PDB file of all heavy atoms in Angstrom:
ATOM      1  N   PRO A   1      -2.656  -6.698 -29.783  1.00  0.00           N
ATOM      2  CA  PRO A   1      -1.546  -5.844 -29.369  1.00  0.00           C
ATOM      3  C   PRO A   1      -2.068  -4.553 -28.764  1.00  0.00           C
ATOM      4  O   PRO A   1      -3.111  -4.044 -29.174  1.00  0.00           O
ATOM      5  CB  PRO A   1      -0.739  -5.588 -30.607  1.00  0.00           C
ATOM      6  CG  PRO A   1      -1.735  -5.869 -31.788  1.00  0.00           C
ATOM      7  CD  PRO A   1      -2.618  -6.899 -31.285  1.00  0.00           C
ATOM      8  N   ALA A   2      -1.400  -4.088 -27.757  1.00  0.00           N
ATOM      9  CA  ALA A   2      -1.805  -2.874 -27.030  1.00  0.00           C
ATOM     10  C   ALA A   2      -1.618  -1.726 -28.045  1.00  0.00           C
ATOM     11  O   ALA A   2      -0.694  -1.618 -28.785  1.00  0.00           O
ATOM     12  CB  ALA A   2      -0.959  -2.649 -25.817  1.00  0.00           C
ATOM     13  N   ALA A   3      -2.575  -0.762 -27.907  1.00  0.00           N
ATOM     14  CA  ALA A   3      -2.537   0.446 -28.827  1.00  0.00           C
ATOM     15  C   ALA A   3      -1.394   1.365 -28.290  1.00  0.00           C
ATOM     16  O   ALA A   3      -1.134   1.441 -27.107  1.00  0.00           O
ATOM     17  CB  ALA A   3      -3.831   1.134 -28.795  1.00  0.00           C
ATOM     18  N   SER A   4      -0.838   2.060 -29.218  1.00  0.00           N
ATOM     19  CA  SER A   4       0.159   3.042 -28.875  1.00  0.00           C
ATOM     20  C   SER A   4      -0.454   4.168 -28.074  1.00  0.00           C
ATOM     21  O   SER A   4      -1.553   4.599 -28.384  1.00  0.00           O
ATOM     22  CB  SER A   4       0.772   3.615 -30.168  1.00  0.00           C
ATOM     23  OG  SER A   4       1.591   4.670 -29.867  1.00  0.00           O
ATOM     24  N   PRO A   5       0.203   4.629 -27.035  1.00  0.00           N
ATOM     25  CA  PRO A   5      -0.373   5.758 -26.264  1.00  0.00           C
ATOM     26  C   PRO A   5      -0.595   6.998 -27.055  1.00  0.00           C
ATOM     27  O   PRO A   5      -1.358   7.854 -26.637  1.00  0.00           O
ATOM     28  CB  PRO A   5       0.696   5.947 -25.152  1.00  0.00           C
ATOM     29  CG  PRO A   5       1.969   5.385 -25.701  1.00  0.00           C
ATOM     30  CD  PRO A   5       1.561   4.255 -26.575  1.00  0.00           C
ATOM     31  N   ASP A   6       0.043   7.130 -28.203  1.00  0.00           N
ATOM     32  CA  ASP A   6      -0.114   8.321 -29.040  1.00  0.00           C
ATOM     33  C   ASP A   6      -1.328   8.184 -29.969  1.00  0.00           C
ATOM     34  O   ASP A   6      -1.666   9.157 -30.568  1.00  0.00           O
ATOM     35  CB  ASP A   6       1.132   8.609 -29.866  1.00  0.00           C
ATOM     36  CG  ASP A   6       2.363   8.875 -28.992  1.00  0.00           C
ATOM     37  OD1 ASP A   6       2.174   9.386 -27.894  1.00  0.00           O
ATOM     38  OD2 ASP A   6       3.500   8.516 -29.421  1.00  0.00           O
ATOM     39  N   VAL A   7      -1.914   7.064 -30.080  1.00  0.00           N
ATOM     40  CA  VAL A   7      -3.048   6.815 -30.926  1.00  0.00           C
ATOM     41  C   VAL A   7      -4.365   7.079 -30.227  1.00  0.00           C
ATOM     42  O   VAL A   7      -4.568   6.415 -29.097  1.00  0.00           O
ATOM     43  CB  VAL A   7      -3.007   5.435 -31.596  1.00  0.00           C
ATOM     44  CG1 VAL A   7      -4.205   5.199 -32.451  1.00  0.00           C
ATOM     45  CG2 VAL A   7      -1.720   5.235 -32.332  1.00  0.00           C
ATOM     46  N   VAL A   8      -5.229   7.914 -30.714  1.00  0.00           N
ATOM     47  CA  VAL A   8      -6.501   8.170 -30.065  1.00  0.00           C
ATOM     48  C   VAL A   8      -7.396   6.966 -30.330  1.00  0.00           C
ATOM     49  O   VAL A   8      -7.586   6.577 -31.469  1.00  0.00           O
ATOM     50  CB  VAL A   8      -7.155   9.456 -30.646  1.00  0.00           C
ATOM     51  CG1 VAL A   8      -8.508   9.668 -30.049  1.00  0.00           C
ATOM     52  CG2 VAL A   8      -6.245  10.627 -30.351  1.00  0.00           C
ATOM     53  N   PRO A   9      -7.921   6.325 -29.303  1.00  0.00           N
ATOM     54  CA  PRO A   9      -8.772   5.124 -29.453  1.00  0.00           C
ATOM     55  C   PRO A   9     -10.061   5.476 -30.254  1.00  0.00           C
ATOM     56  O   PRO A   9     -10.590   6.615 -30.149  1.00  0.00           O
ATOM     57  CB  PRO A   9      -9.079   4.677 -28.098  1.00  0.00           C
ATOM     58  CG  PRO A   9      -8.918   5.922 -27.223  1.00  0.00           C
ATOM     59  CD  PRO A   9      -7.868   6.718 -27.809  1.00  0.00           C
ATOM     60  N   THR A  10     -10.532   4.618 -31.035  1.00  0.00           N
ATOM     61  CA  THR A  10     -11.739   4.732 -31.814  1.00  0.00           C
ATOM     62  C   THR A  10     -12.721   3.644 -31.438  1.00  0.00           C
ATOM     63  O   THR A  10     -12.350   2.613 -30.852  1.00  0.00           O
ATOM     64  CB  THR A  10     -11.527   4.718 -33.302  1.00  0.00           C
ATOM     65  OG1 THR A  10     -10.914   3.519 -33.676  1.00  0.00           O
ATOM     66  CG2 THR A  10     -10.585   5.903 -33.706  1.00  0.00           C
ATOM     67  N   LEU A  11     -13.912   3.792 -31.815  1.00  0.00           N
ATOM     68  CA  LEU A  11     -15.026   2.795 -31.692  1.00  0.00           C
ATOM     69  C   LEU A  11     -15.566   2.494 -33.045  1.00  0.00           C
ATOM     70  O   LEU A  11     -15.490   3.305 -33.973  1.00  0.00           O
ATOM     71  CB  LEU A  11     -16.103   3.295 -30.749  1.00  0.00           C
ATOM     72  CG  LEU A  11     -15.675   3.590 -29.292  1.00  0.00           C
ATOM     73  CD1 LEU A  11     -16.802   4.335 -28.537  1.00  0.00           C
ATOM     74  CD2 LEU A  11     -15.351   2.317 -28.564  1.00  0.00           C
ATOM     75  N   PRO A  12     -16.256   1.382 -33.204  1.00  0.00           N
ATOM     76  CA  PRO A  12     -16.816   0.993 -34.554  1.00  0.00           C
ATOM     77  C   PRO A  12     -18.017   1.918 -34.833  1.00  0.00           C
ATOM     78  O   PRO A  12     -18.597   2.559 -33.944  1.00  0.00           O
ATOM     79  CB  PRO A  12     -17.266  -0.471 -34.404  1.00  0.00           C
ATOM     80  CG  PRO A  12     -17.369  -0.656 -32.903  1.00  0.00           C
ATOM     81  CD  PRO A  12     -16.365   0.201 -32.273  1.00  0.00           C
ATOM     82  N   LEU A  13     -18.364   2.002 -36.113  1.00  0.00           N
ATOM     83  CA  LEU A  13     -19.427   2.854 -36.583  1.00  0.00           C
ATOM     84  C   LEU A  13     -20.741   2.478 -35.928  1.00  0.00           C
ATOM     85  O   LEU A  13     -21.576   3.354 -35.655  1.00  0.00           O
ATOM     86  CB  LEU A  13     -19.554   2.746 -38.064  1.00  0.00           C
ATOM     87  CG  LEU A  13     -20.632   3.694 -38.757  1.00  0.00           C
ATOM     88  CD1 LEU A  13     -20.255   5.192 -38.453  1.00  0.00           C
ATOM     89  CD2 LEU A  13     -20.653   3.407 -40.263  1.00  0.00           C
ATOM     90  N   VAL A  14     -20.953   1.191 -35.610  1.00  0.00           N
ATOM     91  CA  VAL A  14     -22.184   0.793 -35.015  1.00  0.00           C
ATOM     92  C   VAL A  14     -22.397   1.424 -33.619  1.00  0.00           C
ATOM     93  O   VAL A  14     -23.549   1.679 -33.188  1.00  0.00           O
ATOM     94  CB  VAL A  14     -22.289  -0.769 -34.852  1.00  0.00           C
ATOM     95  CG1 VAL A  14     -21.169  -1.252 -33.981  1.00  0.00           C
ATOM     96  CG2 VAL A  14     -23.634  -1.222 -34.432  1.00  0.00           C
ATOM     97  N   ALA A  15     -21.288   1.722 -32.943  1.00  0.00           N
ATOM     98  CA  ALA A  15     -21.440   2.382 -31.625  1.00  0.00           C
ATOM     99  C   ALA A  15     -21.948   3.769 -31.777  1.00  0.00           C
ATOM    100  O   ALA A  15     -22.742   4.255 -30.960  1.00  0.00           O
ATOM    101  CB  ALA A  15     -20.047   2.435 -30.919  1.00  0.00           C
ATOM    102  N   ALA A  16     -21.538   4.501 -32.843  1.00  0.00           N
ATOM    103  CA  ALA A  16     -21.997   5.869 -33.108  1.00  0.00           C
ATOM    104  C   ALA A  16     -23.477   5.865 -33.445  1.00  0.00           C
ATOM    105  O   ALA A  16     -24.317   6.644 -32.930  1.00  0.00           O
ATOM    106  CB  ALA A  16     -21.186   6.542 -34.187  1.00  0.00           C
ATOM    107  N   VAL A  17     -23.895   4.941 -34.364  1.00  0.00           N
ATOM    108  CA  VAL A  17     -25.234   4.842 -34.799  1.00  0.00           C
ATOM    109  C   VAL A  17     -26.150   4.499 -33.605  1.00  0.00           C
ATOM    110  O   VAL A  17     -27.237   5.050 -33.376  1.00  0.00           O
ATOM    111  CB  VAL A  17     -25.416   3.880 -35.935  1.00  0.00           C
ATOM    112  CG1 VAL A  17     -26.898   3.660 -36.344  1.00  0.00           C
ATOM    113  CG2 VAL A  17     -24.606   4.304 -37.135  1.00  0.00           C
ATOM    114  N   GLY A  18     -25.681   3.518 -32.809  1.00  0.00           N
ATOM    115  CA  GLY A  18     -26.470   3.090 -31.662  1.00  0.00           C
ATOM    116  C   GLY A  18     -26.617   4.236 -30.649  1.00  0.00           C
ATOM    117  O   GLY A  18     -27.672   4.409 -30.042  1.00  0.00           O
ATOM    118  N   ALA A  19     -25.606   5.047 -30.446  1.00  0.00           N
ATOM    119  CA  ALA A  19     -25.637   6.130 -29.494  1.00  0.00           C
ATOM    120  C   ALA A  19     -26.742   7.169 -29.876  1.00  0.00           C
ATOM    121  O   ALA A  19     -27.519   7.635 -29.054  1.00  0.00           O
ATOM    122  CB  ALA A  19     -24.314   6.808 -29.376  1.00  0.00           C
ATOM    123  N   ILE A  20     -26.783   7.466 -31.205  1.00  0.00           N
ATOM    124  CA  ILE A  20     -27.781   8.463 -31.672  1.00  0.00           C
ATOM    125  C   ILE A  20     -29.194   7.840 -31.534  1.00  0.00           C
ATOM    126  O   ILE A  20     -30.121   8.497 -31.132  1.00  0.00           O
ATOM    127  CB  ILE A  20     -27.507   8.824 -33.141  1.00  0.00           C
ATOM    128  CG1 ILE A  20     -26.145   9.570 -33.227  1.00  0.00           C
ATOM    129  CG2 ILE A  20     -28.647   9.683 -33.714  1.00  0.00           C
ATOM    130  CD1 ILE A  20     -25.735   9.915 -34.609  1.00  0.00           C
ATOM    131  N   GLY A  21     -29.327   6.583 -31.852  1.00  0.00           N
ATOM    132  CA  GLY A  21     -30.647   5.921 -31.773  1.00  0.00           C
ATOM    133  C   GLY A  21     -31.105   5.836 -30.341  1.00  0.00           C
ATOM    134  O   GLY A  21     -32.316   6.069 -30.056  1.00  0.00           O
ATOM    135  N   VAL A  22     -30.223   5.453 -29.445  1.00  0.00           N
ATOM    136  CA  VAL A  22     -30.636   5.308 -28.031  1.00  0.00           C
ATOM    137  C   VAL A  22     -31.040   6.701 -27.475  1.00  0.00           C
ATOM    138  O   VAL A  22     -32.054   6.810 -26.741  1.00  0.00           O
ATOM    139  CB  VAL A  22     -29.478   4.741 -27.214  1.00  0.00           C
ATOM    140  CG1 VAL A  22     -29.779   4.801 -25.734  1.00  0.00           C
ATOM    141  CG2 VAL A  22     -29.305   3.259 -27.582  1.00  0.00           C
ATOM    142  N   LEU A  23     -30.283   7.770 -27.766  1.00  0.00           N
ATOM    143  CA  LEU A  23     -30.563   9.069 -27.233  1.00  0.00           C
ATOM    144  C   LEU A  23     -31.928   9.558 -27.852  1.00  0.00           C
ATOM    145  O   LEU A  23     -32.750  10.085 -27.129  1.00  0.00           O
ATOM    146  CB  LEU A  23     -29.503  10.052 -27.622  1.00  0.00           C
ATOM    147  CG  LEU A  23     -29.661  11.496 -27.161  1.00  0.00           C
ATOM    148  CD1 LEU A  23     -29.749  11.579 -25.604  1.00  0.00           C
ATOM    149  CD2 LEU A  23     -28.547  12.376 -27.694  1.00  0.00           C
ATOM    150  N   SER A  24     -32.121   9.354 -29.139  1.00  0.00           N
ATOM    151  CA  SER A  24     -33.354   9.810 -29.696  1.00  0.00           C
ATOM    152  C   SER A  24     -34.572   9.054 -29.077  1.00  0.00           C
ATOM    153  O   SER A  24     -35.544   9.765 -28.690  1.00  0.00           O
ATOM    154  CB  SER A  24     -33.329   9.534 -31.232  1.00  0.00           C
ATOM    155  OG  SER A  24     -32.262  10.186 -31.793  1.00  0.00           O
ATOM    156  N   GLY A  25     -34.485   7.804 -29.019  1.00  0.00           N
ATOM    157  CA  GLY A  25     -35.604   7.015 -28.398  1.00  0.00           C
ATOM    158  C   GLY A  25     -35.924   7.351 -27.015  1.00  0.00           C
ATOM    159  O   GLY A  25     -37.098   7.495 -26.570  1.00  0.00           O
ATOM    160  N   SER A  26     -34.864   7.574 -26.160  1.00  0.00           N
ATOM    161  CA  SER A  26     -35.091   7.803 -24.783  1.00  0.00           C
ATOM    162  C   SER A  26     -35.631   9.199 -24.542  1.00  0.00           C
ATOM    163  O   SER A  26     -36.482   9.404 -23.654  1.00  0.00           O
ATOM    164  CB  SER A  26     -33.766   7.632 -23.997  1.00  0.00           C
ATOM    165  OG  SER A  26     -32.779   8.581 -24.455  1.00  0.00           O
TER     166      SER A  26
END
């Protein structure tokens, strides 16, 4: 189902961990 326009979209925790790891390594 489509998310309500009033709900701020989120990403899974693995996306956050991966973002920090990729930035650190690069």
